[in-house]
Amino acid sequence: MESTVVRCAEGHVFTAASFPMQQAERLGPGRLMRCPRCARLRSVVPVSAGVLQKQ
């Protein structure tokens, strides 16, 4: 299973084992997932590799 690097609405970056409906572009890039850092349901979006290298 492929991991996806995501960022929650609070700015926490983490990996998600599955990012549901990633290919469904009509729904937009955001999904609702539980952030392991703040333990709340947050809107998360995938993070591109270019953004990670700048940090």
N, C-alpha and C. Protein backbone atom coordinates (compact mmCIF):
# COMPACT_ATOMS: atom_id res chain seq x y z
N MET A 1 0.84 -1.17 0.00
CA MET A 1 0.00 0.00 0.00
C MET A 1 0.89 1.25 0.00
N GLU A 2 0.56 2.18 -0.82
CA GLU A 2 1.36 3.39 -0.97
C GLU A 2 0.99 4.44 0.08
N SER A 3 1.99 5.09 0.64
CA SER A 3 1.76 6.16 1.61
C SER A 3 1.74 7.50 0.89
N THR A 4 0.88 8.39 1.36
CA THR A 4 0.77 9.73 0.80
C THR A 4 1.11 10.74 1.89
N VAL A 5 1.95 11.71 1.58
CA VAL A 5 2.28 12.76 2.53
C VAL A 5 1.19 13.82 2.44
N VAL A 6 0.60 14.14 3.60
CA VAL A 6 -0.51 15.10 3.64
C VAL A 6 -0.25 16.17 4.70
N ARG A 7 -0.97 17.29 4.58
CA ARG A 7 -0.88 18.38 5.55
C ARG A 7 -2.29 18.69 6.03
N CYS A 8 -2.46 18.77 7.37
CA CYS A 8 -3.78 19.06 7.92
C CYS A 8 -4.00 20.57 7.95
N ALA A 9 -5.20 21.00 8.29
CA ALA A 9 -5.55 22.41 8.31
C ALA A 9 -4.74 23.20 9.33
N GLU A 10 -4.19 22.53 10.34
CA GLU A 10 -3.36 23.19 11.34
C GLU A 10 -1.90 23.28 10.91
N GLY A 11 -1.54 22.66 9.78
CA GLY A 11 -0.18 22.72 9.27
C GLY A 11 0.69 21.54 9.61
N HIS A 12 0.14 20.53 10.29
CA HIS A 12 0.91 19.34 10.64
C HIS A 12 1.07 18.46 9.41
N VAL A 13 2.29 18.00 9.16
CA VAL A 13 2.58 17.14 8.02
C VAL A 13 2.78 15.72 8.52
N PHE A 14 2.11 14.77 7.87
CA PHE A 14 2.22 13.35 8.24
C PHE A 14 1.90 12.50 7.03
N THR A 15 2.14 11.20 7.14
CA THR A 15 1.82 10.28 6.05
C THR A 15 0.53 9.55 6.36
N ALA A 16 -0.19 9.25 5.32
CA ALA A 16 -1.43 8.50 5.44
C ALA A 16 -1.29 7.24 4.60
N ALA A 17 -1.59 6.10 5.19
CA ALA A 17 -1.47 4.83 4.47
C ALA A 17 -2.42 4.78 3.28
N SER A 18 -3.59 5.35 3.44
CA SER A 18 -4.53 5.41 2.32
C SER A 18 -5.13 6.80 2.28
N PHE A 19 -5.22 7.34 1.10
CA PHE A 19 -5.83 8.65 0.93
C PHE A 19 -7.05 8.44 0.06
N PRO A 20 -8.24 8.27 0.68
CA PRO A 20 -9.44 7.85 -0.04
C PRO A 20 -9.82 8.77 -1.19
N MET A 21 -10.20 8.16 -2.28
CA MET A 21 -10.71 8.86 -3.46
C MET A 21 -9.75 9.93 -3.97
N GLN A 22 -8.47 9.61 -3.99
CA GLN A 22 -7.46 10.57 -4.44
C GLN A 22 -7.62 10.90 -5.92
N GLN A 23 -8.15 9.98 -6.68
CA GLN A 23 -8.28 10.20 -8.12
C GLN A 23 -9.55 10.96 -8.49
N ALA A 24 -10.48 11.13 -7.57
CA ALA A 24 -11.74 11.81 -7.87
C ALA A 24 -11.54 13.33 -7.81
N GLU A 25 -11.20 13.92 -8.95
CA GLU A 25 -10.88 15.34 -8.98
C GLU A 25 -12.11 16.22 -8.81
N ARG A 26 -13.26 15.72 -9.12
CA ARG A 26 -14.46 16.56 -9.02
C ARG A 26 -14.80 16.89 -7.57
N LEU A 27 -14.26 16.13 -6.63
CA LEU A 27 -14.50 16.39 -5.22
C LEU A 27 -13.48 17.34 -4.61
N GLY A 28 -12.43 17.66 -5.35
CA GLY A 28 -11.37 18.52 -4.83
C GLY A 28 -10.30 17.70 -4.14
N PRO A 29 -9.18 18.34 -3.79
CA PRO A 29 -8.05 17.60 -3.24
C PRO A 29 -8.17 17.29 -1.74
N GLY A 30 -9.01 17.99 -1.01
CA GLY A 30 -9.09 17.83 0.44
C GLY A 30 -9.92 16.65 0.89
N ARG A 31 -9.53 16.06 1.99
CA ARG A 31 -10.28 14.96 2.60
C ARG A 31 -10.33 15.19 4.10
N LEU A 32 -11.24 14.55 4.77
CA LEU A 32 -11.36 14.66 6.22
C LEU A 32 -10.72 13.43 6.85
N MET A 33 -9.66 13.64 7.63
CA MET A 33 -8.94 12.55 8.29
C MET A 33 -8.56 12.97 9.69
N ARG A 34 -8.26 12.00 10.54
CA ARG A 34 -7.82 12.30 11.90
C ARG A 34 -6.32 12.57 11.89
N CYS A 35 -5.94 13.74 12.37
CA CYS A 35 -4.53 14.12 12.44
C CYS A 35 -3.90 13.42 13.65
N PRO A 36 -2.79 12.71 13.47
CA PRO A 36 -2.16 12.03 14.61
C PRO A 36 -1.50 13.00 15.59
N ARG A 37 -1.21 14.19 15.15
CA ARG A 37 -0.53 15.17 16.01
C ARG A 37 -1.50 15.85 16.97
N CYS A 38 -2.65 16.32 16.44
CA CYS A 38 -3.60 17.02 17.31
C CYS A 38 -4.82 16.15 17.66
N ALA A 39 -4.89 14.94 17.11
CA ALA A 39 -5.94 13.95 17.40
C ALA A 39 -7.35 14.45 17.14
N ARG A 40 -7.50 15.30 16.12
CA ARG A 40 -8.83 15.80 15.74
C ARG A 40 -9.07 15.54 14.26
N LEU A 41 -10.33 15.49 13.89
CA LEU A 41 -10.65 15.37 12.48
C LEU A 41 -10.35 16.70 11.82
N ARG A 42 -9.52 16.66 10.80
CA ARG A 42 -9.12 17.87 10.09
C ARG A 42 -9.21 17.64 8.59
N SER A 43 -9.36 18.71 7.87
CA SER A 43 -9.28 18.65 6.43
C SER A 43 -7.81 18.52 6.06
N VAL A 44 -7.46 17.53 5.23
CA VAL A 44 -6.08 17.32 4.83
C VAL A 44 -5.98 17.37 3.31
N VAL A 45 -4.83 17.81 2.82
CA VAL A 45 -4.55 17.86 1.39
C VAL A 45 -3.19 17.22 1.14
N PRO A 46 -3.01 16.59 -0.03
CA PRO A 46 -1.70 16.01 -0.34
C PRO A 46 -0.64 17.10 -0.47
N VAL A 47 0.59 16.78 -0.08
CA VAL A 47 1.70 17.71 -0.17
C VAL A 47 2.60 17.26 -1.32
N SER A 48 2.98 18.18 -2.21
CA SER A 48 3.84 17.82 -3.32
C SER A 48 5.29 17.69 -2.84
N ALA A 49 6.09 16.93 -3.56
CA ALA A 49 7.48 16.70 -3.19
C ALA A 49 8.29 17.99 -3.24
N GLY A 50 7.97 18.90 -4.13
CA GLY A 50 8.68 20.17 -4.23
C GLY A 50 8.53 21.02 -3.00
N VAL A 51 7.36 21.01 -2.39
CA VAL A 51 7.11 21.78 -1.18
C VAL A 51 7.89 21.19 -0.01
N LEU A 52 7.99 19.86 0.05
CA LEU A 52 8.71 19.22 1.14
C LEU A 52 10.21 19.50 1.08
N GLN A 53 10.76 19.60 -0.11
CA GLN A 53 12.20 19.85 -0.24
C GLN A 53 12.57 21.26 0.19
N LYS A 54 11.67 22.22 0.06
CA LYS A 54 11.94 23.60 0.46
C LYS A 54 12.00 23.75 1.97
N GLN A 55 11.33 22.88 2.70
CA GLN A 55 11.28 23.00 4.15
C GLN A 55 12.45 22.42 4.77
